[in-house]
PDB file of all heavy atoms in Angstrom:
ATOM      1  N   LEU A   1       4.766 173.231 308.204  1.00  0.00           N
ATOM      2  CA  LEU A   1       3.730 174.124 307.672  1.00  0.00           C
ATOM      3  C   LEU A   1       4.316 175.476 307.283  1.00  0.00           C
ATOM      4  O   LEU A   1       4.143 175.946 306.153  1.00  0.00           O
ATOM      5  CB  LEU A   1       2.622 174.310 308.703  1.00  0.00           C
ATOM      6  CG  LEU A   1       1.647 173.134 308.887  1.00  0.00           C
ATOM      7  CD1 LEU A   1       0.717 173.383 310.061  1.00  0.00           C
ATOM      8  CD2 LEU A   1       0.833 172.910 307.613  1.00  0.00           C
ATOM      9  N   PHE A   2       5.010 176.116 308.226  1.00  0.00           N
ATOM     10  CA  PHE A   2       5.550 177.448 307.926  1.00  0.00           C
ATOM     11  C   PHE A   2       6.736 177.367 306.973  1.00  0.00           C
ATOM     12  O   PHE A   2       6.997 178.306 306.226  1.00  0.00           O
ATOM     13  CB  PHE A   2       5.931 178.154 309.233  1.00  0.00           C
ATOM     14  CG  PHE A   2       4.761 178.759 309.937  1.00  0.00           C
ATOM     15  CD1 PHE A   2       4.056 178.033 310.879  1.00  0.00           C
ATOM     16  CD2 PHE A   2       4.337 180.050 309.639  1.00  0.00           C
ATOM     17  CE1 PHE A   2       2.959 178.586 311.528  1.00  0.00           C
ATOM     18  CE2 PHE A   2       3.247 180.609 310.278  1.00  0.00           C
ATOM     19  CZ  PHE A   2       2.549 179.876 311.229  1.00  0.00           C
ATOM     20  N   GLY A   3       7.450 176.237 306.974  1.00  0.00           N
ATOM     21  CA  GLY A   3       8.515 176.051 305.990  1.00  0.00           C
ATOM     22  C   GLY A   3       7.958 175.981 304.579  1.00  0.00           C
ATOM     23  O   GLY A   3       8.530 176.526 303.638  1.00  0.00           O
ATOM     24  N   ALA A   4       6.806 175.333 304.428  1.00  0.00           N
ATOM     25  CA  ALA A   4       6.143 175.288 303.118  1.00  0.00           C
ATOM     26  C   ALA A   4       5.767 176.688 302.666  1.00  0.00           C
ATOM     27  O   ALA A   4       5.820 177.019 301.475  1.00  0.00           O
ATOM     28  CB  ALA A   4       4.911 174.397 303.191  1.00  0.00           C
ATOM     29  N   GLY A   5       5.389 177.544 303.633  1.00  0.00           N
ATOM     30  CA  GLY A   5       5.009 178.914 303.298  1.00  0.00           C
ATOM     31  C   GLY A   5       6.157 179.779 302.842  1.00  0.00           C
ATOM     32  O   GLY A   5       5.936 180.866 302.304  1.00  0.00           O
ATOM     33  N   ALA A   6       7.395 179.320 303.044  1.00  0.00           N
ATOM     34  CA  ALA A   6       8.560 180.104 302.615  1.00  0.00           C
ATOM     35  C   ALA A   6       8.813 180.001 301.114  1.00  0.00           C
ATOM     36  O   ALA A   6       9.666 180.711 300.575  1.00  0.00           O
ATOM     37  CB  ALA A   6       9.800 179.654 303.380  1.00  0.00           C
ATOM     38  N   GLY A   7       8.112 179.091 300.438  1.00  0.00           N
ATOM     39  CA  GLY A   7       8.225 179.001 298.980  1.00  0.00           C
ATOM     40  C   GLY A   7       9.569 178.533 298.481  1.00  0.00           C
ATOM     41  O   GLY A   7      10.077 179.039 297.468  1.00  0.00           O
ATOM     42  N   GLN A   8      10.168 177.546 299.166  1.00  0.00           N
ATOM     43  CA  GLN A   8      11.475 177.044 298.752  1.00  0.00           C
ATOM     44  C   GLN A   8      11.453 175.553 298.461  1.00  0.00           C
ATOM     45  O   GLN A   8      12.502 174.901 298.459  1.00  0.00           O
ATOM     46  CB  GLN A   8      12.508 177.365 299.848  1.00  0.00           C
ATOM     47  CG  GLN A   8      12.676 178.852 300.077  1.00  0.00           C
ATOM     48  CD  GLN A   8      13.643 179.176 301.196  1.00  0.00           C
ATOM     49  OE1 GLN A   8      14.615 178.448 301.417  1.00  0.00           O
ATOM     50  NE2 GLN A   8      13.399 180.274 301.896  1.00  0.00           N
ATOM     51  N   GLY A   9      10.288 175.018 298.204  1.00  0.00           N
ATOM     52  CA  GLY A   9      10.170 173.609 297.895  1.00  0.00           C
ATOM     53  C   GLY A   9       9.869 172.797 299.140  1.00  0.00           C
ATOM     54  O   GLY A   9       9.831 173.305 300.261  1.00  0.00           O
ATOM     55  N   SER A  10       9.640 171.525 298.939  1.00  0.00           N
ATOM     56  CA  SER A  10       9.324 170.640 300.051  1.00  0.00           C
ATOM     57  C   SER A  10      10.577 170.326 300.858  1.00  0.00           C
ATOM     58  O   SER A  10      11.701 170.538 300.398  1.00  0.00           O
ATOM     59  CB  SER A  10       8.716 169.335 299.531  1.00  0.00           C
ATOM     60  OG  SER A  10       9.691 168.585 298.826  1.00  0.00           O
ATOM     61  N   ILE A  11      10.376 169.804 302.051  1.00  0.00           N
ATOM     62  CA  ILE A  11      11.499 169.382 302.888  1.00  0.00           C
ATOM     63  C   ILE A  11      12.372 168.390 302.133  1.00  0.00           C
ATOM     64  O   ILE A  11      13.603 168.494 302.118  1.00  0.00           O
ATOM     65  CB  ILE A  11      10.989 168.736 304.196  1.00  0.00           C
ATOM     66  CG1 ILE A  11      10.193 169.742 305.008  1.00  0.00           C
ATOM     67  CG2 ILE A  11      12.144 168.161 305.005  1.00  0.00           C
ATOM     68  CD1 ILE A  11       9.411 169.124 306.150  1.00  0.00           C
ATOM     69  N   LYS A  12      11.746 167.442 301.488  1.00  0.00           N
ATOM     70  CA  LYS A  12      12.451 166.362 300.803  1.00  0.00           C
ATOM     71  C   LYS A  12      13.373 166.898 299.710  1.00  0.00           C
ATOM     72  O   LYS A  12      14.554 166.536 299.624  1.00  0.00           O
ATOM     73  CB  LYS A  12      11.435 165.380 300.221  1.00  0.00           C
ATOM     74  CG  LYS A  12      12.012 164.103 299.664  1.00  0.00           C
ATOM     75  CD  LYS A  12      10.889 163.183 299.215  1.00  0.00           C
ATOM     76  CE  LYS A  12      11.414 161.869 298.664  1.00  0.00           C
ATOM     77  NZ  LYS A  12      10.294 160.980 298.246  1.00  0.00           N
ATOM     78  N   VAL A  13      12.842 167.788 298.879  1.00  0.00           N
ATOM     79  CA  VAL A  13      13.630 168.344 297.777  1.00  0.00           C
ATOM     80  C   VAL A  13      14.707 169.280 298.308  1.00  0.00           C
ATOM     81  O   VAL A  13      15.873 169.232 297.885  1.00  0.00           O
ATOM     82  CB  VAL A  13      12.704 169.084 296.788  1.00  0.00           C
ATOM     83  CG1 VAL A  13      13.528 169.846 295.755  1.00  0.00           C
ATOM     84  CG2 VAL A  13      11.765 168.105 296.102  1.00  0.00           C
ATOM     85  N   TRP A  14      14.338 170.148 299.252  1.00  0.00           N
ATOM     86  CA  TRP A  14      15.276 171.127 299.809  1.00  0.00           C
ATOM     87  C   TRP A  14      16.463 170.427 300.454  1.00  0.00           C
ATOM     88  O   TRP A  14      17.625 170.799 300.222  1.00  0.00           O
ATOM     89  CB  TRP A  14      14.539 171.976 300.833  1.00  0.00           C
ATOM     90  CG  TRP A  14      15.174 173.279 301.213  1.00  0.00           C
ATOM     91  CD1 TRP A  14      14.834 174.516 300.757  1.00  0.00           C
ATOM     92  CD2 TRP A  14      16.240 173.487 302.174  1.00  0.00           C
ATOM     93  NE1 TRP A  14      15.617 175.479 301.359  1.00  0.00           N
ATOM     94  CE2 TRP A  14      16.494 174.872 302.231  1.00  0.00           C
ATOM     95  CE3 TRP A  14      17.002 172.645 302.971  1.00  0.00           C
ATOM     96  CZ2 TRP A  14      17.462 175.435 303.052  1.00  0.00           C
ATOM     97  CZ3 TRP A  14      17.987 173.185 303.790  1.00  0.00           C
ATOM     98  CH2 TRP A  14      18.200 174.566 303.832  1.00  0.00           C
ATOM     99  N   CYS A  15      16.177 169.418 301.249  1.00  0.00           N
ATOM    100  CA  CYS A  15      17.244 168.717 301.967  1.00  0.00           C
ATOM    101  C   CYS A  15      18.124 167.895 301.034  1.00  0.00           C
ATOM    102  O   CYS A  15      19.343 167.791 301.245  1.00  0.00           O
ATOM    103  CB  CYS A  15      16.647 167.814 303.042  1.00  0.00           C
ATOM    104  SG  CYS A  15      15.824 168.719 304.379  1.00  0.00           S
ATOM    105  N   ARG A  16      17.527 167.325 299.997  1.00  0.00           N
ATOM    106  CA  ARG A  16      18.331 166.568 299.044  1.00  0.00           C
ATOM    107  C   ARG A  16      19.352 167.486 298.376  1.00  0.00           C
ATOM    108  O   ARG A  16      20.535 167.136 298.248  1.00  0.00           O
ATOM    109  CB  ARG A  16      17.439 165.924 297.985  1.00  0.00           C
ATOM    110  CG  ARG A  16      18.219 165.060 296.973  1.00  0.00           C
ATOM    111  CD  ARG A  16      17.289 164.470 295.936  1.00  0.00           C
ATOM    112  NE  ARG A  16      16.711 165.497 295.097  1.00  0.00           N
ATOM    113  CZ  ARG A  16      15.424 165.544 294.740  1.00  0.00           C
ATOM    114  NH1 ARG A  16      14.584 164.632 295.181  1.00  0.00           N
ATOM    115  NH2 ARG A  16      14.985 166.512 293.962  1.00  0.00           N
ATOM    116  N   GLU A  17      18.909 168.658 297.967  1.00  0.00           N
ATOM    117  CA  GLU A  17      19.821 169.600 297.327  1.00  0.00           C
ATOM    118  C   GLU A  17      20.871 170.106 298.315  1.00  0.00           C
ATOM    119  O   GLU A  17      22.044 170.274 297.972  1.00  0.00           O
ATOM    120  CB  GLU A  17      19.025 170.768 296.740  1.00  0.00           C
ATOM    121  CG  GLU A  17      18.180 170.354 295.541  1.00  0.00           C
ATOM    122  CD  GLU A  17      17.197 171.433 295.120  1.00  0.00           C
ATOM    123  OE1 GLU A  17      16.881 172.301 295.970  1.00  0.00           O
ATOM    124  OE2 GLU A  17      16.735 171.400 293.964  1.00  0.00           O
ATOM    125  N   HIS A  18      20.448 170.322 299.556  1.00  0.00           N
ATOM    126  CA  HIS A  18      21.386 170.854 300.531  1.00  0.00           C
ATOM    127  C   HIS A  18      22.433 169.812 300.925  1.00  0.00           C
ATOM    128  O   HIS A  18      23.613 170.148 301.120  1.00  0.00           O
ATOM    129  CB  HIS A  18      20.641 171.341 301.774  1.00  0.00           C
ATOM    130  CG  HIS A  18      21.527 172.096 302.718  1.00  0.00           C
ATOM    131  ND1 HIS A  18      22.021 173.356 302.427  1.00  0.00           N
ATOM    132  CD2 HIS A  18      22.050 171.771 303.932  1.00  0.00           C
ATOM    133  CE1 HIS A  18      22.788 173.764 303.415  1.00  0.00           C
ATOM    134  NE2 HIS A  18      22.819 172.824 304.346  1.00  0.00           N
ATOM    135  N   ARG A  19      22.034 168.581 301.051  1.00  0.00           N
ATOM    136  CA  ARG A  19      23.011 167.529 301.354  1.00  0.00           C
ATOM    137  C   ARG A  19      23.992 167.361 300.198  1.00  0.00           C
ATOM    138  O   ARG A  19      25.182 167.106 300.410  1.00  0.00           O
ATOM    139  CB  ARG A  19      22.287 166.216 301.652  1.00  0.00           C
ATOM    140  CG  ARG A  19      21.565 166.202 302.990  1.00  0.00           C
ATOM    141  CD  ARG A  19      20.842 164.888 303.248  1.00  0.00           C
ATOM    142  NE  ARG A  19      20.120 164.920 304.517  1.00  0.00           N
ATOM    143  CZ  ARG A  19      19.410 163.908 305.006  1.00  0.00           C
ATOM    144  NH1 ARG A  19      19.331 162.751 304.337  1.00  0.00           N
ATOM    145  NH2 ARG A  19      18.780 164.026 306.168  1.00  0.00           N
ATOM    146  N   ALA A  20      23.502 167.495 298.973  1.00  0.00           N
ATOM    147  CA  ALA A  20      24.396 167.439 297.809  1.00  0.00           C
ATOM    148  C   ALA A  20      25.382 168.607 297.845  1.00  0.00           C
ATOM    149  O   ALA A  20      26.560 168.460 297.514  1.00  0.00           O
ATOM    150  CB  ALA A  20      23.589 167.457 296.518  1.00  0.00           C
ATOM    151  N   HIS A  21      24.895 169.768 298.257  1.00  0.00           N
ATOM    152  CA  HIS A  21      25.769 170.940 298.374  1.00  0.00           C
ATOM    153  C   HIS A  21      26.904 170.671 299.352  1.00  0.00           C
ATOM    154  O   HIS A  21      28.075 170.978 299.068  1.00  0.00           O
ATOM    155  CB  HIS A  21      24.939 172.136 298.831  1.00  0.00           C
ATOM    156  CG  HIS A  21      25.747 173.291 299.328  1.00  0.00           C
ATOM    157  ND1 HIS A  21      26.602 174.016 298.525  1.00  0.00           N
ATOM    158  CD2 HIS A  21      25.841 173.848 300.570  1.00  0.00           C
ATOM    159  CE1 HIS A  21      27.176 174.963 299.230  1.00  0.00           C
ATOM    160  NE2 HIS A  21      26.746 174.886 300.485  1.00  0.00           N
ATOM    161  N   HIS A  22      26.598 170.098 300.506  1.00  0.00           N
ATOM    162  CA  HIS A  22      27.633 169.830 301.501  1.00  0.00           C
ATOM    163  C   HIS A  22      28.605 168.755 301.025  1.00  0.00           C
ATOM    164  O   HIS A  22      29.814 168.887 301.205  1.00  0.00           O
ATOM    165  CB  HIS A  22      26.989 169.390 302.822  1.00  0.00           C
ATOM    166  CG  HIS A  22      26.694 170.535 303.741  1.00  0.00           C
ATOM    167  ND1 HIS A  22      27.538 170.925 304.746  1.00  0.00           N
ATOM    168  CD2 HIS A  22      25.642 171.388 303.781  1.00  0.00           C
ATOM    169  CE1 HIS A  22      27.027 171.956 305.381  1.00  0.00           C
ATOM    170  NE2 HIS A  22      25.869 172.264 304.820  1.00  0.00           N
ATOM    171  N   ARG A  23      28.082 167.730 300.420  1.00  0.00           N
ATOM    172  CA  ARG A  23      28.941 166.614 300.023  1.00  0.00           C
ATOM    173  C   ARG A  23      29.844 166.984 298.859  1.00  0.00           C
ATOM    174  O   ARG A  23      30.998 166.548 298.798  1.00  0.00           O
ATOM    175  CB  ARG A  23      28.080 165.405 299.657  1.00  0.00           C
ATOM    176  CG  ARG A  23      28.897 164.172 299.283  1.00  0.00           C
ATOM    177  CD  ARG A  23      28.027 162.959 299.073  1.00  0.00           C
ATOM    178  NE  ARG A  23      28.804 161.789 298.720  1.00  0.00           N
ATOM    179  CZ  ARG A  23      28.296 160.586 298.482  1.00  0.00           C
ATOM    180  NH1 ARG A  23      26.991 160.403 298.568  1.00  0.00           N
ATOM    181  NH2 ARG A  23      29.075 159.582 298.151  1.00  0.00           N
ATOM    182  N   TYR A  24      29.349 167.808 297.936  1.00  0.00           N
ATOM    183  CA  TYR A  24      30.111 168.120 296.719  1.00  0.00           C
ATOM    184  C   TYR A  24      30.415 169.609 296.618  1.00  0.00           C
ATOM    185  O   TYR A  24      30.572 170.141 295.519  1.00  0.00           O
ATOM    186  CB  TYR A  24      29.318 167.683 295.487  1.00  0.00           C
ATOM    187  CG  TYR A  24      28.907 166.227 295.502  1.00  0.00           C
ATOM    188  CD1 TYR A  24      27.608 165.855 295.851  1.00  0.00           C
ATOM    189  CD2 TYR A  24      29.811 165.217 295.180  1.00  0.00           C
ATOM    190  CE1 TYR A  24      27.222 164.511 295.863  1.00  0.00           C
ATOM    191  CE2 TYR A  24      29.435 163.881 295.197  1.00  0.00           C
ATOM    192  CZ  TYR A  24      28.139 163.544 295.537  1.00  0.00           C
ATOM    193  OH  TYR A  24      27.771 162.216 295.557  1.00  0.00           O
ATOM    194  N   VAL A  25      30.521 170.285 297.743  1.00  0.00           N
ATOM    195  CA  VAL A  25      30.672 171.736 297.746  1.00  0.00           C
ATOM    196  C   VAL A  25      31.805 172.191 296.838  1.00  0.00           C
ATOM    197  O   VAL A  25      32.871 171.577 296.781  1.00  0.00           O
ATOM    198  CB  VAL A  25      30.892 172.244 299.192  1.00  0.00           C
ATOM    199  CG1 VAL A  25      32.185 171.705 299.787  1.00  0.00           C
ATOM    200  CG2 VAL A  25      30.849 173.752 299.259  1.00  0.00           C
ATOM    201  N   ASP A  26      31.530 173.260 296.093  1.00  0.00           N
ATOM    202  CA  ASP A  26      32.499 173.908 295.200  1.00  0.00           C
ATOM    203  C   ASP A  26      32.881 173.054 293.994  1.00  0.00           C
ATOM    204  O   ASP A  26      33.913 173.316 293.357  1.00  0.00           O
ATOM    205  CB  ASP A  26      33.771 174.309 295.955  1.00  0.00           C
ATOM    206  CG  ASP A  26      33.496 175.253 297.115  1.00  0.00           C
ATOM    207  OD1 ASP A  26      32.520 176.006 297.043  1.00  0.00           O
ATOM    208  OD2 ASP A  26      34.252 175.225 298.099  1.00  0.00           O
ATOM    209  N   THR A  27      32.105 172.035 293.694  1.00  0.00           N
ATOM    210  CA  THR A  27      32.351 171.228 292.498  1.00  0.00           C
ATOM    211  C   THR A  27      31.154 171.341 291.568  1.00  0.00           C
ATOM    212  O   THR A  27      30.126 171.915 291.917  1.00  0.00           O
ATOM    213  CB  THR A  27      32.575 169.744 292.851  1.00  0.00           C
ATOM    214  OG1 THR A  27      31.321 169.157 293.265  1.00  0.00           O
ATOM    215  CG2 THR A  27      33.593 169.598 293.970  1.00  0.00           C
ATOM    216  N   ASP A  28      31.282 170.755 290.395  1.00  0.00           N
ATOM    217  CA  ASP A  28      30.194 170.823 289.417  1.00  0.00           C
ATOM    218  C   ASP A  28      28.970 170.030 289.874  1.00  0.00           C
ATOM    219  O   ASP A  28      27.883 170.204 289.335  1.00  0.00           O
ATOM    220  CB  ASP A  28      30.682 170.291 288.068  1.00  0.00           C
ATOM    221  CG  ASP A  28      29.887 170.868 286.908  1.00  0.00           C
ATOM    222  OD1 ASP A  28      29.538 172.055 286.975  1.00  0.00           O
ATOM    223  OD2 ASP A  28      29.612 170.125 285.950  1.00  0.00           O
ATOM    224  N   GLN A  29      29.144 169.169 290.875  1.00  0.00           N
ATOM    225  CA  GLN A  29      28.022 168.392 291.384  1.00  0.00           C
ATOM    226  C   GLN A  29      27.279 169.109 292.503  1.00  0.00           C
ATOM    227  O   GLN A  29      26.263 168.631 292.978  1.00  0.00           O
ATOM    228  CB  GLN A  29      28.527 167.032 291.884  1.00  0.00           C
ATOM    229  CG  GLN A  29      29.029 166.122 290.778  1.00  0.00           C
ATOM    230  CD  GLN A  29      29.584 164.824 291.328  1.00  0.00           C
ATOM    231  OE1 GLN A  29      30.663 164.787 291.937  1.00  0.00           O
ATOM    232  NE2 GLN A  29      28.859 163.745 291.131  1.00  0.00           N
ATOM    233  N   ASP A  30      27.799 170.250 292.908  1.00  0.00           N
ATOM    234  CA  ASP A  30      27.145 171.103 293.899  1.00  0.00           C
ATOM    235  C   ASP A  30      26.040 171.889 293.183  1.00  0.00           C
ATOM    236  O   ASP A  30      26.334 172.654 292.268  1.00  0.00           O
ATOM    237  CB  ASP A  30      28.184 172.045 294.495  1.00  0.00           C
ATOM    238  CG  ASP A  30      27.610 173.046 295.485  1.00  0.00           C
ATOM    239  OD1 ASP A  30      26.374 173.054 295.688  1.00  0.00           O
ATOM    240  OD2 ASP A  30      28.395 173.818 296.057  1.00  0.00           O
ATOM    241  N   PRO A  31      24.768 171.735 293.576  1.00  0.00           N
ATOM    242  CA  PRO A  31      23.686 172.410 292.848  1.00  0.00           C
ATOM    243  C   PRO A  31      23.807 173.926 292.845  1.00  0.00           C
ATOM    244  O   PRO A  31      23.406 174.584 291.888  1.00  0.00           O
ATOM    245  CB  PRO A  31      22.415 171.951 293.578  1.00  0.00           C
ATOM    246  CG  PRO A  31      22.870 171.377 294.866  1.00  0.00           C
ATOM    247  CD  PRO A  31      24.262 170.880 294.654  1.00  0.00           C
ATOM    248  N   TYR A  32      24.331 174.514 293.917  1.00  0.00           N
ATOM    249  CA  TYR A  32      24.543 175.969 293.910  1.00  0.00           C
ATOM    250  C   TYR A  32      26.005 176.309 294.125  1.00  0.00           C
ATOM    251  O   TYR A  32      26.376 177.046 295.039  1.00  0.00           O
ATOM    252  CB  TYR A  32      23.661 176.697 294.925  1.00  0.00           C
ATOM    253  CG  TYR A  32      23.163 175.925 296.126  1.00  0.00           C
ATOM    254  CD1 TYR A  32      23.837 175.917 297.333  1.00  0.00           C
ATOM    255  CD2 TYR A  32      21.949 175.232 296.070  1.00  0.00           C
ATOM    256  CE1 TYR A  32      23.349 175.261 298.446  1.00  0.00           C
ATOM    257  CE2 TYR A  32      21.459 174.553 297.178  1.00  0.00           C
ATOM    258  CZ  TYR A  32      22.158 174.564 298.352  1.00  0.00           C
ATOM    259  OH  TYR A  32      21.671 173.901 299.464  1.00  0.00           O
ATOM    260  N   ASN A  33      26.810 175.777 293.247  1.00  0.00           N
ATOM    261  CA  ASN A  33      28.259 175.948 293.268  1.00  0.00           C
ATOM    262  C   ASN A  33      28.637 177.412 293.068  1.00  0.00           C
ATOM    263  O   ASN A  33      28.395 177.993 292.015  1.00  0.00           O
ATOM    264  CB  ASN A  33      28.871 175.076 292.164  1.00  0.00           C
ATOM    265  CG  ASN A  33      30.374 175.197 292.101  1.00  0.00           C
ATOM    266  OD1 ASN A  33      31.012 175.719 293.000  1.00  0.00           O
ATOM    267  ND2 ASN A  33      30.951 174.708 291.012  1.00  0.00           N
ATOM    268  N   VAL A  34      29.262 178.023 294.084  1.00  0.00           N
ATOM    269  CA  VAL A  34      29.626 179.436 294.004  1.00  0.00           C
ATOM    270  C   VAL A  34      30.720 179.677 292.970  1.00  0.00           C
ATOM    271  O   VAL A  34      30.911 180.819 292.518  1.00  0.00           O
ATOM    272  CB  VAL A  34      30.052 179.959 295.391  1.00  0.00           C
ATOM    273  CG1 VAL A  34      31.448 179.457 295.748  1.00  0.00           C
ATOM    274  CG2 VAL A  34      29.988 181.471 295.470  1.00  0.00           C
ATOM    275  N   ALA A  35      31.449 178.635 292.578  1.00  0.00           N
ATOM    276  CA  ALA A  35      32.485 178.791 291.565  1.00  0.00           C
ATOM    277  C   ALA A  35      31.897 179.216 290.220  1.00  0.00           C
ATOM    278  O   ALA A  35      32.610 179.737 289.362  1.00  0.00           O
ATOM    279  CB  ALA A  35      33.264 177.487 291.404  1.00  0.00           C
ATOM    280  N   LYS A  36      30.592 179.005 290.043  1.00  0.00           N
ATOM    281  CA  LYS A  36      29.922 179.436 288.818  1.00  0.00           C
ATOM    282  C   LYS A  36      29.444 180.878 288.894  1.00  0.00           C
ATOM    283  O   LYS A  36      28.799 181.366 287.971  1.00  0.00           O
ATOM    284  CB  LYS A  36      28.739 178.508 288.536  1.00  0.00           C
ATOM    285  CG  LYS A  36      29.137 177.067 288.227  1.00  0.00           C
ATOM    286  CD  LYS A  36      27.922 176.211 287.911  1.00  0.00           C
ATOM    287  CE  LYS A  36      28.320 174.787 287.575  1.00  0.00           C
ATOM    288  NZ  LYS A  36      27.143 173.934 287.256  1.00  0.00           N
ATOM    289  N   GLY A  37      29.746 181.546 289.987  1.00  0.00           N
ATOM    290  CA  GLY A  37      29.392 182.956 290.117  1.00  0.00           C
ATOM    291  C   GLY A  37      28.312 183.199 291.158  1.00  0.00           C
ATOM    292  O   GLY A  37      27.541 182.305 291.512  1.00  0.00           O
ATOM    293  N   LEU A  38      28.272 184.431 291.663  1.00  0.00           N
ATOM    294  CA  LEU A  38      27.303 184.791 292.687  1.00  0.00           C
ATOM    295  C   LEU A  38      25.865 184.658 292.192  1.00  0.00           C
ATOM    296  O   LEU A  38      24.982 184.232 292.938  1.00  0.00           O
ATOM    297  CB  LEU A  38      27.547 186.230 293.151  1.00  0.00           C
ATOM    298  CG  LEU A  38      28.593 186.438 294.253  1.00  0.00           C
ATOM    299  CD1 LEU A  38      28.745 187.915 294.570  1.00  0.00           C
ATOM    300  CD2 LEU A  38      28.203 185.673 295.504  1.00  0.00           C
ATOM    301  N   PHE A  39      25.625 185.041 290.947  1.00  0.00           N
ATOM    302  CA  PHE A  39      24.257 184.967 290.431  1.00  0.00           C
ATOM    303  C   PHE A  39      23.762 183.525 290.411  1.00  0.00           C
ATOM    304  O   PHE A  39      22.630 183.236 290.823  1.00  0.00           O
ATOM    305  CB  PHE A  39      24.177 185.567 289.018  1.00  0.00           C
ATOM    306  CG  PHE A  39      22.794 185.471 288.413  1.00  0.00           C
ATOM    307  CD1 PHE A  39      21.804 186.367 288.768  1.00  0.00           C
ATOM    308  CD2 PHE A  39      22.481 184.470 287.494  1.00  0.00           C
ATOM    309  CE1 PHE A  39      20.524 186.273 288.231  1.00  0.00           C
ATOM    310  CE2 PHE A  39      21.212 184.365 286.952  1.00  0.00           C
ATOM    311  CZ  PHE A  39      20.232 185.273 287.317  1.00  0.00           C
ATOM    312  N   HIS A  40      24.615 182.617 289.949  1.00  0.00           N
ATOM    313  CA  HIS A  40      24.214 181.212 289.902  1.00  0.00           C
ATOM    314  C   HIS A  40      23.943 180.684 291.301  1.00  0.00           C
ATOM    315  O   HIS A  40      22.922 180.023 291.543  1.00  0.00           O
ATOM    316  CB  HIS A  40      25.297 180.363 289.245  1.00  0.00           C
ATOM    317  CG  HIS A  40      25.047 178.885 289.362  1.00  0.00           C
ATOM    318  ND1 HIS A  40      24.221 178.204 288.492  1.00  0.00           N
ATOM    319  CD2 HIS A  40      25.491 177.963 290.264  1.00  0.00           C
ATOM    320  CE1 HIS A  40      24.173 176.928 288.849  1.00  0.00           C
ATOM    321  NE2 HIS A  40      24.935 176.754 289.924  1.00  0.00           N
TER     322      HIS A  40
END
């Protein structure tokens, strides 16, 4: 409930993106790849 109130998407979507981040960290398959810059 309170996680939904944080405005960061559902558990399902958030966790899918986060697991992708861990598995493909620092690559083009990382959804928030820091190699593309801090803003990205």
